């Protein structure tokens, strides 16, 4: 049976790590840094430290290698000419030594967007300049061996294929992160998400991935 996770972060302020997703079925774990927290019904980095990624993963494997992870961006505060990045992860193991990272960063003077194989960090699967600064919903997905990224439902890249990182059981976690390089700027740099969806990419009757369709039904009081 496919696994579908959802979190709207609508609960008391506190550490994200160890908290149960609002949709149930799993809890959050932090595998890099300890900064993610629940703050005013959002997942918040608080003030990001200079130079280190803060990463949270769902603590449970999905059931297949067809996966997606989606966040709704609420806050993206980049001070001065620093580098601030949103990171989405799928197909990962528990220690982030395997899997795939999508990183979008607002760098000084340019925009950076890439997909990288965490098992072989020299393997950049995709690299281009893409502007996601105005996007609300960002989704990273893999179906078969084909990767795509969508902003507000529209693909922002030419889908690409890769099999460099091991797949299968133990490599099916999803999650999100953020990172900041000050480059002389003063804090705070902050990233916050309103909603998270992720899990197995199984198309439901509506044509949406199953987790998204289920989440919409819950919002409408149908499930």
N, C-alpha and C. Protein backbone atom coordinates (compact mmCIF):
# COMPACT_ATOMS: atom_id res chain seq x y z
N UNK A 1 0.84 -1.19 0.00
CA UNK A 1 0.00 0.00 0.00
C UNK A 1 0.88 1.25 0.00
N UNK A 2 0.54 2.23 -0.81
CA UNK A 2 1.33 3.46 -0.90
C UNK A 2 1.26 4.26 0.38
N UNK A 3 2.35 4.91 0.71
CA UNK A 3 2.40 5.79 1.87
C UNK A 3 2.25 7.24 1.42
N UNK A 4 1.43 7.99 2.13
CA UNK A 4 1.17 9.39 1.81
C UNK A 4 1.26 10.20 3.09
N UNK A 5 2.13 11.18 3.11
CA UNK A 5 2.33 11.99 4.31
C UNK A 5 1.92 13.44 4.06
N UNK A 6 1.36 14.06 5.08
CA UNK A 6 0.96 15.46 5.00
C UNK A 6 1.20 16.12 6.36
N UNK A 7 1.65 17.36 6.33
CA UNK A 7 1.84 18.11 7.57
C UNK A 7 1.53 19.58 7.31
N UNK A 8 0.57 20.11 8.07
CA UNK A 8 0.27 21.54 7.97
C UNK A 8 0.92 22.34 9.10
N UNK A 9 1.61 21.64 10.01
CA UNK A 9 2.37 22.26 11.10
C UNK A 9 1.50 23.04 12.08
N UNK A 10 0.21 22.76 12.08
CA UNK A 10 -0.72 23.47 12.97
C UNK A 10 -0.74 22.79 14.34
N UNK A 11 0.25 23.10 15.14
CA UNK A 11 0.35 22.57 16.50
C UNK A 11 1.21 23.51 17.34
N UNK A 12 1.36 23.16 18.58
CA UNK A 12 2.08 24.04 19.51
C UNK A 12 3.52 24.26 19.07
N UNK A 13 4.04 25.43 19.37
CA UNK A 13 5.43 25.73 19.07
C UNK A 13 6.35 24.73 19.77
N UNK A 14 7.43 24.38 19.09
CA UNK A 14 8.39 23.44 19.67
C UNK A 14 9.30 22.90 18.59
N UNK A 15 10.13 21.95 18.96
CA UNK A 15 11.05 21.34 18.00
C UNK A 15 10.27 20.55 16.95
N UNK A 16 10.70 20.67 15.69
CA UNK A 16 10.11 19.84 14.64
C UNK A 16 10.51 18.38 14.84
N UNK A 17 11.78 18.14 15.16
CA UNK A 17 12.26 16.78 15.36
C UNK A 17 11.47 16.09 16.47
N UNK A 18 11.02 14.88 16.18
CA UNK A 18 10.25 14.11 17.15
C UNK A 18 8.77 14.37 17.12
N UNK A 19 8.33 15.41 16.39
CA UNK A 19 6.90 15.71 16.32
C UNK A 19 6.24 14.85 15.25
N UNK A 20 4.98 14.53 15.47
CA UNK A 20 4.21 13.70 14.53
C UNK A 20 3.58 14.58 13.47
N UNK A 21 3.66 14.14 12.23
CA UNK A 21 3.04 14.89 11.14
C UNK A 21 1.55 15.02 11.40
N UNK A 22 0.95 16.16 10.99
CA UNK A 22 -0.48 16.38 11.25
C UNK A 22 -1.34 15.31 10.58
N UNK A 23 -0.86 14.75 9.47
CA UNK A 23 -1.59 13.68 8.80
C UNK A 23 -1.33 12.31 9.39
N UNK A 24 -0.45 12.22 10.40
CA UNK A 24 -0.14 10.96 11.06
C UNK A 24 0.79 10.09 10.23
N UNK A 25 1.11 8.91 10.78
CA UNK A 25 1.85 7.90 10.05
C UNK A 25 3.35 7.98 10.16
N UNK A 26 3.90 9.06 10.70
CA UNK A 26 5.35 9.19 10.79
C UNK A 26 5.69 10.39 11.67
N UNK A 27 6.95 10.51 12.02
CA UNK A 27 7.44 11.67 12.76
C UNK A 27 8.63 12.26 11.99
N UNK A 28 9.03 13.45 12.42
CA UNK A 28 10.16 14.13 11.81
C UNK A 28 11.45 13.80 12.54
N UNK A 29 12.53 13.72 11.78
CA UNK A 29 13.86 13.59 12.35
C UNK A 29 14.78 14.59 11.66
N UNK A 30 15.72 15.17 12.41
CA UNK A 30 16.69 16.08 11.82
C UNK A 30 18.01 15.35 11.63
N UNK A 31 18.52 15.37 10.41
CA UNK A 31 19.75 14.63 10.09
C UNK A 31 20.91 15.57 9.81
N UNK A 32 20.65 16.85 9.78
CA UNK A 32 21.72 17.85 9.66
C UNK A 32 21.23 19.11 10.36
N UNK A 33 21.96 19.50 11.41
CA UNK A 33 21.53 20.64 12.21
C UNK A 33 20.40 20.29 13.14
N UNK A 34 20.01 21.23 13.96
CA UNK A 34 18.92 21.03 14.92
C UNK A 34 17.98 22.23 14.95
N UNK A 35 17.95 23.00 13.88
CA UNK A 35 17.25 24.28 13.93
C UNK A 35 15.79 24.28 13.56
N UNK A 36 15.30 23.24 12.87
CA UNK A 36 13.90 23.27 12.45
C UNK A 36 12.97 23.22 13.65
N UNK A 37 11.94 24.06 13.62
CA UNK A 37 10.99 24.15 14.72
C UNK A 37 9.59 24.45 14.19
N UNK A 38 8.62 24.20 15.03
CA UNK A 38 7.26 24.65 14.76
C UNK A 38 7.12 26.02 15.37
N UNK A 39 6.77 27.00 14.54
CA UNK A 39 6.66 28.38 15.02
C UNK A 39 5.45 29.02 14.34
N UNK A 40 4.43 29.34 15.13
CA UNK A 40 3.22 30.00 14.61
C UNK A 40 2.62 29.21 13.45
N UNK A 41 2.51 27.89 13.65
CA UNK A 41 1.87 26.98 12.67
C UNK A 41 2.61 26.92 11.34
N UNK A 42 3.92 27.05 11.42
CA UNK A 42 4.78 26.87 10.26
C UNK A 42 6.02 26.06 10.67
N UNK A 43 6.62 25.39 9.68
CA UNK A 43 7.95 24.82 9.89
C UNK A 43 8.95 25.94 9.62
N UNK A 44 9.75 26.29 10.62
CA UNK A 44 10.62 27.46 10.54
C UNK A 44 12.06 27.08 10.88
N UNK A 45 12.99 27.66 10.14
CA UNK A 45 14.40 27.47 10.48
C UNK A 45 14.80 28.33 11.67
N UNK A 46 13.96 29.31 12.04
CA UNK A 46 14.45 30.33 12.92
C UNK A 46 15.58 31.06 12.22
N UNK A 47 16.54 31.59 12.95
CA UNK A 47 17.68 32.26 12.34
C UNK A 47 18.70 31.21 11.91
N UNK A 48 18.90 31.09 10.60
CA UNK A 48 19.81 30.07 10.08
C UNK A 48 21.26 30.40 10.45
N UNK A 49 22.04 29.37 10.84
CA UNK A 49 23.46 29.59 11.06
C UNK A 49 24.19 29.73 9.73
N UNK A 50 25.29 30.41 9.76
CA UNK A 50 26.08 30.63 8.55
C UNK A 50 26.80 29.34 8.14
N UNK A 51 26.56 28.91 6.90
CA UNK A 51 27.37 27.86 6.31
C UNK A 51 26.94 26.43 6.53
N UNK A 52 25.86 26.19 7.22
CA UNK A 52 25.45 24.81 7.50
C UNK A 52 24.02 24.57 7.04
N UNK A 53 23.78 23.41 6.43
CA UNK A 53 22.42 23.03 6.01
C UNK A 53 21.64 22.50 7.20
N UNK A 54 20.37 22.86 7.27
CA UNK A 54 19.44 22.33 8.27
C UNK A 54 18.46 21.43 7.52
N UNK A 55 18.43 20.13 7.84
CA UNK A 55 17.66 19.16 7.05
C UNK A 55 16.79 18.30 7.95
N UNK A 56 15.51 18.18 7.58
CA UNK A 56 14.55 17.32 8.29
C UNK A 56 13.98 16.29 7.31
N UNK A 57 13.92 15.03 7.75
CA UNK A 57 13.35 13.95 6.96
C UNK A 57 12.21 13.29 7.70
N UNK A 58 11.23 12.79 6.94
CA UNK A 58 10.24 11.89 7.51
C UNK A 58 10.98 10.63 7.93
N UNK A 59 10.66 10.09 9.12
CA UNK A 59 11.47 9.01 9.68
C UNK A 59 11.12 7.63 9.16
N UNK A 60 10.32 7.54 8.10
CA UNK A 60 9.81 6.27 7.59
C UNK A 60 10.00 6.20 6.08
N UNK A 61 10.38 5.02 5.60
CA UNK A 61 10.47 4.79 4.17
C UNK A 61 9.10 4.80 3.52
N UNK A 62 9.03 5.32 2.29
CA UNK A 62 7.86 5.08 1.45
C UNK A 62 7.92 3.64 0.94
N UNK A 63 6.93 3.25 0.16
CA UNK A 63 6.84 1.86 -0.29
C UNK A 63 7.43 1.60 -1.66
N UNK A 64 7.72 2.66 -2.41
CA UNK A 64 8.24 2.46 -3.77
C UNK A 64 9.34 3.47 -4.04
N UNK A 65 9.96 3.36 -5.22
CA UNK A 65 10.98 4.30 -5.62
C UNK A 65 10.42 5.48 -6.42
N UNK A 66 9.12 5.43 -6.72
CA UNK A 66 8.44 6.57 -7.33
C UNK A 66 7.99 7.49 -6.19
N UNK A 67 8.60 8.66 -6.09
CA UNK A 67 8.44 9.49 -4.90
C UNK A 67 8.25 10.95 -5.28
N UNK A 68 7.71 11.70 -4.34
CA UNK A 68 7.69 13.15 -4.50
C UNK A 68 7.70 13.80 -3.12
N UNK A 69 8.15 15.06 -3.11
CA UNK A 69 8.13 15.88 -1.91
C UNK A 69 7.73 17.28 -2.34
N UNK A 70 6.85 17.89 -1.55
CA UNK A 70 6.30 19.20 -1.92
C UNK A 70 6.18 20.08 -0.69
N UNK A 71 6.56 21.35 -0.85
CA UNK A 71 6.42 22.32 0.25
C UNK A 71 5.71 23.57 -0.27
N UNK A 72 5.02 24.23 0.64
CA UNK A 72 4.43 25.54 0.36
C UNK A 72 5.28 26.58 1.08
N UNK A 73 5.93 27.42 0.31
CA UNK A 73 6.87 28.40 0.85
C UNK A 73 6.10 29.57 1.46
N UNK A 74 6.43 29.91 2.70
CA UNK A 74 5.76 31.01 3.40
C UNK A 74 6.68 32.20 3.62
N UNK A 75 7.92 31.92 4.01
CA UNK A 75 8.89 32.98 4.30
C UNK A 75 10.22 32.64 3.67
N UNK A 76 10.82 33.63 3.01
CA UNK A 76 12.15 33.46 2.42
C UNK A 76 12.87 34.79 2.60
N UNK A 77 13.53 34.93 3.76
CA UNK A 77 14.17 36.19 4.13
C UNK A 77 15.67 36.08 3.91
N UNK A 78 16.16 36.79 2.91
CA UNK A 78 17.57 36.75 2.52
C UNK A 78 18.21 38.12 2.78
N UNK A 79 19.05 38.21 3.80
CA UNK A 79 19.65 39.51 4.10
C UNK A 79 20.80 39.85 3.15
N UNK A 80 20.85 41.12 2.75
CA UNK A 80 21.98 41.61 1.98
C UNK A 80 22.25 40.81 0.72
N UNK A 81 23.53 40.62 0.43
CA UNK A 81 23.95 39.85 -0.75
C UNK A 81 24.41 38.46 -0.35
N UNK A 82 23.68 37.85 0.57
CA UNK A 82 24.02 36.50 1.02
C UNK A 82 23.43 35.46 0.07
N UNK A 83 23.71 34.20 0.35
CA UNK A 83 23.18 33.07 -0.41
C UNK A 83 22.21 32.29 0.47
N UNK A 84 20.94 32.20 0.03
CA UNK A 84 19.91 31.50 0.79
C UNK A 84 19.30 30.43 -0.11
N UNK A 85 19.18 29.20 0.42
CA UNK A 85 18.75 28.07 -0.40
C UNK A 85 17.63 27.28 0.25
N UNK A 86 16.70 26.82 -0.59
CA UNK A 86 15.69 25.82 -0.23
C UNK A 86 16.16 24.49 -0.78
N UNK A 87 16.01 23.43 0.03
CA UNK A 87 16.50 22.12 -0.35
C UNK A 87 15.37 21.11 -0.18
N UNK A 88 15.14 20.28 -1.19
CA UNK A 88 14.17 19.19 -1.12
C UNK A 88 14.89 17.87 -1.38
N UNK A 89 14.47 16.84 -0.63
CA UNK A 89 15.16 15.55 -0.68
C UNK A 89 14.17 14.42 -0.97
N UNK A 90 14.63 13.46 -1.80
CA UNK A 90 13.83 12.24 -2.00
C UNK A 90 14.75 11.06 -2.30
N UNK A 91 14.22 9.86 -2.05
CA UNK A 91 14.99 8.64 -2.27
C UNK A 91 16.18 8.51 -1.36
N UNK A 92 16.09 9.07 -0.14
CA UNK A 92 17.24 9.15 0.76
C UNK A 92 17.26 8.00 1.77
N UNK A 93 18.46 7.72 2.25
CA UNK A 93 18.57 6.86 3.42
C UNK A 93 18.54 7.74 4.67
N UNK A 94 18.66 7.12 5.83
CA UNK A 94 18.47 7.85 7.08
C UNK A 94 19.60 8.82 7.39
N UNK A 95 20.76 8.66 6.73
CA UNK A 95 21.92 9.48 7.06
C UNK A 95 22.30 10.45 5.93
N UNK A 96 21.49 10.50 4.89
CA UNK A 96 21.70 11.41 3.75
C UNK A 96 22.99 11.12 2.99
N UNK A 97 23.48 9.89 3.05
CA UNK A 97 24.63 9.52 2.23
C UNK A 97 24.18 8.93 0.89
N UNK A 98 22.89 8.73 0.74
CA UNK A 98 22.30 8.25 -0.52
C UNK A 98 21.00 9.00 -0.75
N UNK A 99 20.63 9.14 -2.02
CA UNK A 99 19.41 9.85 -2.36
C UNK A 99 19.69 11.02 -3.28
N UNK A 100 18.72 11.92 -3.39
CA UNK A 100 18.82 13.05 -4.31
C UNK A 100 18.40 14.34 -3.62
N UNK A 101 19.13 15.39 -3.95
CA UNK A 101 18.88 16.73 -3.43
C UNK A 101 18.51 17.65 -4.58
N UNK A 102 17.41 18.39 -4.43
CA UNK A 102 17.12 19.53 -5.28
C UNK A 102 17.43 20.78 -4.46
N UNK A 103 18.30 21.63 -5.00
CA UNK A 103 18.68 22.85 -4.30
C UNK A 103 18.40 24.04 -5.19
N UNK A 104 17.62 24.99 -4.66
CA UNK A 104 17.42 26.26 -5.34
C UNK A 104 17.93 27.36 -4.42
N UNK A 105 18.81 28.21 -4.96
CA UNK A 105 19.43 29.25 -4.14
C UNK A 105 19.39 30.59 -4.84
N UNK A 106 19.12 31.60 -4.03
CA UNK A 106 19.26 32.98 -4.47
C UNK A 106 20.66 33.42 -4.07
N UNK A 107 21.56 33.41 -5.06
CA UNK A 107 22.96 33.74 -4.83
C UNK A 107 23.20 35.22 -5.16
N UNK A 108 24.33 35.77 -4.70
CA UNK A 108 24.65 37.15 -5.08
C UNK A 108 24.81 37.27 -6.60
N UNK A 109 23.89 37.93 -7.25
CA UNK A 109 24.00 38.20 -8.67
C UNK A 109 23.46 37.14 -9.60
N UNK A 110 23.04 35.99 -9.08
CA UNK A 110 22.49 34.97 -9.96
C UNK A 110 21.62 33.99 -9.17
N UNK A 111 20.88 33.17 -9.90
CA UNK A 111 20.01 32.15 -9.32
C UNK A 111 20.59 30.78 -9.64
N UNK A 112 20.69 29.92 -8.63
CA UNK A 112 21.26 28.58 -8.83
C UNK A 112 20.18 27.53 -8.58
N UNK A 113 20.13 26.55 -9.47
CA UNK A 113 19.15 25.47 -9.36
C UNK A 113 19.81 24.19 -9.85
N UNK A 114 19.84 23.18 -8.98
CA UNK A 114 20.40 21.91 -9.44
C UNK A 114 19.79 20.73 -8.70
N UNK A 115 19.94 19.55 -9.31
CA UNK A 115 19.63 18.27 -8.69
C UNK A 115 20.94 17.51 -8.59
N UNK A 116 21.24 17.01 -7.40
CA UNK A 116 22.52 16.34 -7.17
C UNK A 116 22.30 14.95 -6.56
N UNK A 117 23.12 14.02 -6.96
CA UNK A 117 23.14 12.66 -6.42
C UNK A 117 23.96 12.68 -5.13
N UNK A 118 23.35 12.36 -3.99
CA UNK A 118 24.06 12.41 -2.71
C UNK A 118 25.04 11.25 -2.54
N UNK A 119 24.85 10.18 -3.30
CA UNK A 119 25.74 9.02 -3.22
C UNK A 119 27.07 9.31 -3.92
N UNK A 120 27.00 10.09 -4.98
CA UNK A 120 28.18 10.50 -5.72
C UNK A 120 28.04 12.01 -5.94
N UNK A 121 28.56 12.80 -5.00
CA UNK A 121 28.26 14.23 -4.99
C UNK A 121 28.80 14.96 -6.21
N UNK A 122 29.72 14.32 -6.94
CA UNK A 122 30.22 14.92 -8.17
C UNK A 122 29.20 14.81 -9.31
N UNK A 123 28.19 13.98 -9.11
CA UNK A 123 27.19 13.75 -10.15
C UNK A 123 26.08 14.79 -10.03
N UNK A 124 26.19 15.85 -10.81
CA UNK A 124 25.13 16.86 -10.88
C UNK A 124 24.17 16.44 -11.98
N UNK A 125 22.98 16.02 -11.59
CA UNK A 125 22.01 15.46 -12.53
C UNK A 125 21.43 16.54 -13.43
N UNK A 126 21.26 17.73 -12.87
CA UNK A 126 20.69 18.85 -13.63
C UNK A 126 21.20 20.14 -13.03
N UNK A 127 21.47 21.12 -13.89
CA UNK A 127 21.98 22.40 -13.40
C UNK A 127 21.55 23.49 -14.36
N UNK A 128 20.90 24.52 -13.84
CA UNK A 128 20.42 25.60 -14.68
C UNK A 128 20.11 26.80 -13.79
N UNK A 129 19.78 27.91 -14.40
CA UNK A 129 19.34 29.10 -13.67
C UNK A 129 17.82 29.19 -13.75
N UNK A 130 17.16 28.98 -12.62
CA UNK A 130 15.69 28.97 -12.57
C UNK A 130 15.26 29.88 -11.42
N UNK A 131 14.28 30.72 -11.67
CA UNK A 131 13.79 31.64 -10.65
C UNK A 131 12.55 31.07 -9.97
N UNK A 132 12.70 30.65 -8.73
CA UNK A 132 11.58 30.15 -7.94
C UNK A 132 11.17 31.14 -6.85
N UNK A 133 11.69 32.35 -6.91
CA UNK A 133 11.46 33.31 -5.83
C UNK A 133 9.99 33.66 -5.68
N UNK A 134 9.22 33.66 -6.76
CA UNK A 134 7.80 34.00 -6.67
C UNK A 134 6.90 32.78 -6.54
N UNK A 135 7.48 31.59 -6.58
CA UNK A 135 6.68 30.36 -6.49
C UNK A 135 6.20 30.14 -5.06
N UNK A 136 4.96 29.68 -4.92
CA UNK A 136 4.44 29.32 -3.60
C UNK A 136 4.66 27.85 -3.30
N UNK A 137 4.33 26.98 -4.27
CA UNK A 137 4.39 25.53 -4.08
C UNK A 137 5.50 24.97 -4.96
N UNK A 138 6.45 24.28 -4.33
CA UNK A 138 7.59 23.69 -5.04
C UNK A 138 7.54 22.18 -4.83
N UNK A 139 7.59 21.44 -5.92
CA UNK A 139 7.51 19.97 -5.84
C UNK A 139 8.68 19.34 -6.59
N UNK A 140 9.30 18.35 -5.97
CA UNK A 140 10.41 17.58 -6.53
C UNK A 140 9.92 16.14 -6.62
N UNK A 141 10.04 15.52 -7.80
CA UNK A 141 9.48 14.18 -7.97
C UNK A 141 10.39 13.30 -8.81
N UNK A 142 10.25 11.98 -8.58
CA UNK A 142 10.90 10.97 -9.40
C UNK A 142 9.87 9.90 -9.75
N UNK A 143 9.68 9.66 -11.03
CA UNK A 143 8.79 8.61 -11.51
C UNK A 143 9.59 7.74 -12.46
N UNK A 144 9.72 6.45 -12.13
CA UNK A 144 10.71 5.64 -12.82
C UNK A 144 12.07 6.17 -12.42
N UNK A 145 12.90 6.47 -13.37
CA UNK A 145 14.19 7.10 -13.09
C UNK A 145 14.22 8.55 -13.56
N UNK A 146 13.04 9.13 -13.78
CA UNK A 146 12.96 10.47 -14.36
C UNK A 146 12.61 11.49 -13.29
N UNK A 147 13.41 12.54 -13.21
CA UNK A 147 13.25 13.59 -12.20
C UNK A 147 12.65 14.84 -12.83
N UNK A 148 11.81 15.52 -12.04
CA UNK A 148 11.22 16.78 -12.48
C UNK A 148 10.99 17.66 -11.26
N UNK A 149 10.96 18.97 -11.50
CA UNK A 149 10.64 19.95 -10.46
C UNK A 149 9.55 20.85 -11.00
N UNK A 150 8.52 21.07 -10.19
CA UNK A 150 7.39 21.90 -10.59
C UNK A 150 7.22 23.05 -9.61
N UNK A 151 6.91 24.23 -10.14
CA UNK A 151 6.60 25.40 -9.34
C UNK A 151 5.17 25.79 -9.62
N UNK A 152 4.33 25.76 -8.57
CA UNK A 152 2.90 26.06 -8.71
C UNK A 152 2.28 25.23 -9.84
N UNK A 153 2.69 23.96 -9.92
CA UNK A 153 2.09 23.01 -10.86
C UNK A 153 2.69 22.98 -12.24
N UNK A 154 3.69 23.81 -12.51
CA UNK A 154 4.28 23.90 -13.84
C UNK A 154 5.75 23.47 -13.77
N UNK A 155 6.16 22.56 -14.66
CA UNK A 155 7.55 22.10 -14.68
C UNK A 155 8.47 23.27 -15.02
N UNK A 156 9.61 23.34 -14.32
CA UNK A 156 10.57 24.42 -14.54
C UNK A 156 11.85 23.90 -15.19
N UNK A 157 11.83 22.67 -15.67
CA UNK A 157 13.03 22.07 -16.24
C UNK A 157 12.65 21.03 -17.29
N UNK A 158 13.64 20.60 -18.03
CA UNK A 158 13.47 19.44 -18.90
C UNK A 158 13.71 18.20 -18.05
N UNK A 159 12.71 17.33 -17.87
CA UNK A 159 12.91 16.15 -17.02
C UNK A 159 14.15 15.36 -17.44
N UNK A 160 14.86 14.85 -16.45
CA UNK A 160 16.10 14.13 -16.70
C UNK A 160 16.07 12.78 -15.99
N UNK A 161 16.86 11.84 -16.52
CA UNK A 161 16.92 10.49 -15.97
C UNK A 161 18.25 10.27 -15.27
N UNK A 162 18.22 9.55 -14.14
CA UNK A 162 19.46 9.21 -13.44
C UNK A 162 19.23 7.98 -12.58
N UNK A 163 20.25 7.14 -12.47
CA UNK A 163 20.19 5.94 -11.63
C UNK A 163 21.44 5.83 -10.75
N UNK A 164 22.10 6.95 -10.50
CA UNK A 164 23.38 6.91 -9.81
C UNK A 164 23.31 6.52 -8.35
N UNK A 165 22.26 6.93 -7.65
CA UNK A 165 22.15 6.62 -6.22
C UNK A 165 21.36 5.35 -6.01
N UNK A 166 21.76 4.50 -5.07
CA UNK A 166 21.02 3.27 -4.81
C UNK A 166 19.56 3.55 -4.48
N UNK A 167 18.69 2.65 -4.92
CA UNK A 167 17.27 2.77 -4.62
C UNK A 167 16.83 1.54 -3.83
N UNK A 168 15.52 1.35 -3.69
CA UNK A 168 15.01 0.22 -2.94
C UNK A 168 14.83 0.52 -1.48
N UNK A 169 14.41 -0.50 -0.73
CA UNK A 169 14.15 -0.34 0.70
C UNK A 169 15.37 0.23 1.41
N UNK A 170 15.10 1.18 2.31
CA UNK A 170 16.16 1.87 3.03
C UNK A 170 16.59 3.16 2.36
N UNK A 171 16.09 3.39 1.14
CA UNK A 171 16.44 4.60 0.39
C UNK A 171 15.18 5.27 -0.15
N UNK A 172 14.18 5.41 0.71
CA UNK A 172 12.89 5.93 0.26
C UNK A 172 12.34 7.02 1.19
N UNK A 173 13.21 7.74 1.84
CA UNK A 173 12.76 8.83 2.70
C UNK A 173 12.70 10.15 1.91
N UNK A 174 11.85 11.04 2.38
CA UNK A 174 11.72 12.36 1.77
C UNK A 174 11.80 13.42 2.86
N UNK A 175 12.11 14.65 2.45
CA UNK A 175 12.18 15.71 3.43
C UNK A 175 12.58 17.03 2.80
N UNK A 176 12.93 17.98 3.67
CA UNK A 176 13.26 19.33 3.20
C UNK A 176 14.38 19.92 4.03
N UNK A 177 14.92 21.04 3.54
CA UNK A 177 15.98 21.70 4.28
C UNK A 177 16.18 23.13 3.79
N UNK A 178 17.14 23.79 4.39
CA UNK A 178 17.51 25.15 4.00
C UNK A 178 18.95 25.37 4.41
N UNK A 179 19.60 26.32 3.74
CA UNK A 179 20.97 26.66 4.11
C UNK A 179 21.23 28.12 3.76
N UNK A 180 22.21 28.69 4.47
CA UNK A 180 22.54 30.11 4.30
C UNK A 180 24.05 30.30 4.38
N UNK A 181 24.59 31.05 3.42
CA UNK A 181 25.98 31.50 3.47
C UNK A 181 25.96 33.02 3.55
N UNK A 182 26.48 33.56 4.64
CA UNK A 182 26.33 34.98 4.93
C UNK A 182 27.05 35.87 3.92
N UNK A 183 28.24 35.48 3.50
CA UNK A 183 29.05 36.26 2.56
C UNK A 183 29.11 37.73 3.02
N UNK A 184 29.32 37.90 4.33
CA UNK A 184 29.46 39.24 4.89
C UNK A 184 28.17 39.89 5.35
N UNK A 185 27.02 39.29 5.03
CA UNK A 185 25.73 39.86 5.45
C UNK A 185 25.45 39.51 6.91
N UNK A 186 24.59 40.32 7.53
CA UNK A 186 24.21 40.07 8.92
C UNK A 186 22.89 39.32 8.97
N UNK A 187 22.72 38.41 9.95
CA UNK A 187 21.45 37.70 10.10
C UNK A 187 20.34 38.67 10.51
N UNK A 188 19.06 38.23 10.44
CA UNK A 188 18.66 36.83 10.27
C UNK A 188 18.32 36.46 8.82
N UNK A 189 18.64 35.21 8.49
CA UNK A 189 18.13 34.57 7.27
C UNK A 189 17.14 33.50 7.73
N UNK A 190 15.95 33.51 7.14
CA UNK A 190 14.87 32.63 7.63
C UNK A 190 14.14 32.00 6.44
N UNK A 191 13.86 30.70 6.56
CA UNK A 191 12.99 30.00 5.62
C UNK A 191 11.87 29.35 6.42
N UNK A 192 10.62 29.48 5.93
CA UNK A 192 9.46 28.86 6.59
C UNK A 192 8.54 28.24 5.55
N UNK A 193 7.93 27.11 5.93
CA UNK A 193 6.97 26.42 5.08
C UNK A 193 5.62 26.34 5.77
N UNK A 194 4.55 26.54 4.98
CA UNK A 194 3.19 26.42 5.49
C UNK A 194 2.70 24.98 5.49
N UNK A 195 3.08 24.21 4.46
CA UNK A 195 2.57 22.85 4.30
C UNK A 195 3.64 21.97 3.68
N UNK A 196 3.52 20.68 3.99
CA UNK A 196 4.39 19.65 3.41
C UNK A 196 3.53 18.50 2.95
N UNK A 197 3.86 17.94 1.79
CA UNK A 197 3.26 16.70 1.29
C UNK A 197 4.37 15.85 0.73
N UNK A 198 4.21 14.54 0.80
CA UNK A 198 5.23 13.66 0.22
C UNK A 198 4.88 12.21 0.36
N UNK A 199 5.71 11.37 -0.25
CA UNK A 199 5.51 9.93 -0.19
C UNK A 199 5.56 9.30 -1.56
N UNK A 200 4.85 8.18 -1.68
CA UNK A 200 4.82 7.46 -2.95
C UNK A 200 4.05 8.26 -4.00
N UNK A 201 4.61 8.31 -5.20
CA UNK A 201 3.94 9.00 -6.29
C UNK A 201 2.98 8.01 -6.95
N UNK A 202 1.75 8.01 -6.46
CA UNK A 202 0.70 7.15 -7.00
C UNK A 202 -0.42 8.05 -7.47
N UNK A 203 -0.78 7.98 -8.73
CA UNK A 203 -1.80 8.87 -9.27
C UNK A 203 -3.18 8.42 -8.81
N UNK A 204 -3.95 9.35 -8.21
CA UNK A 204 -5.30 9.07 -7.75
C UNK A 204 -6.33 9.35 -8.83
N UNK A 205 -7.62 9.16 -8.52
CA UNK A 205 -8.68 9.35 -9.50
C UNK A 205 -8.74 10.75 -10.09
N UNK A 206 -8.28 11.75 -9.33
CA UNK A 206 -8.33 13.12 -9.81
C UNK A 206 -7.20 13.45 -10.77
N UNK A 207 -6.24 12.52 -10.90
CA UNK A 207 -5.06 12.80 -11.70
C UNK A 207 -3.92 13.40 -10.91
N UNK A 208 -4.18 13.74 -9.64
CA UNK A 208 -3.14 14.26 -8.76
C UNK A 208 -2.43 13.09 -8.09
N UNK A 209 -1.17 13.29 -7.65
CA UNK A 209 -0.57 12.27 -6.79
C UNK A 209 -1.49 11.98 -5.61
N UNK A 210 -1.53 10.74 -5.21
CA UNK A 210 -2.51 10.28 -4.23
C UNK A 210 -2.49 11.10 -2.95
N UNK A 211 -1.29 11.41 -2.43
CA UNK A 211 -1.22 12.17 -1.17
C UNK A 211 -1.86 13.54 -1.31
N UNK A 212 -1.66 14.19 -2.46
CA UNK A 212 -2.25 15.51 -2.66
C UNK A 212 -3.77 15.41 -2.75
N UNK A 213 -4.26 14.41 -3.47
CA UNK A 213 -5.71 14.22 -3.59
C UNK A 213 -6.33 13.96 -2.21
N UNK A 214 -5.67 13.12 -1.41
CA UNK A 214 -6.19 12.83 -0.07
C UNK A 214 -6.18 14.09 0.79
N UNK A 215 -5.12 14.87 0.69
CA UNK A 215 -5.01 16.10 1.49
C UNK A 215 -6.11 17.09 1.11
N UNK A 216 -6.37 17.23 -0.18
CA UNK A 216 -7.44 18.12 -0.62
C UNK A 216 -8.79 17.65 -0.07
N UNK A 217 -9.01 16.34 -0.06
CA UNK A 217 -10.28 15.83 0.46
C UNK A 217 -10.43 16.12 1.94
N UNK A 218 -9.32 16.01 2.69
CA UNK A 218 -9.37 16.31 4.12
C UNK A 218 -9.70 17.78 4.34
N UNK A 219 -9.07 18.65 3.54
CA UNK A 219 -9.37 20.08 3.67
C UNK A 219 -10.84 20.39 3.41
N UNK A 220 -11.43 19.61 2.52
CA UNK A 220 -12.83 19.83 2.16
C UNK A 220 -13.80 19.06 3.05
N UNK A 221 -13.24 18.36 4.07
CA UNK A 221 -14.08 17.60 4.98
C UNK A 221 -14.65 16.34 4.38
N UNK A 222 -13.98 15.82 3.32
CA UNK A 222 -14.49 14.64 2.63
C UNK A 222 -13.83 13.37 3.13
N UNK A 223 -12.74 13.49 3.86
CA UNK A 223 -12.03 12.30 4.34
C UNK A 223 -11.26 12.64 5.61
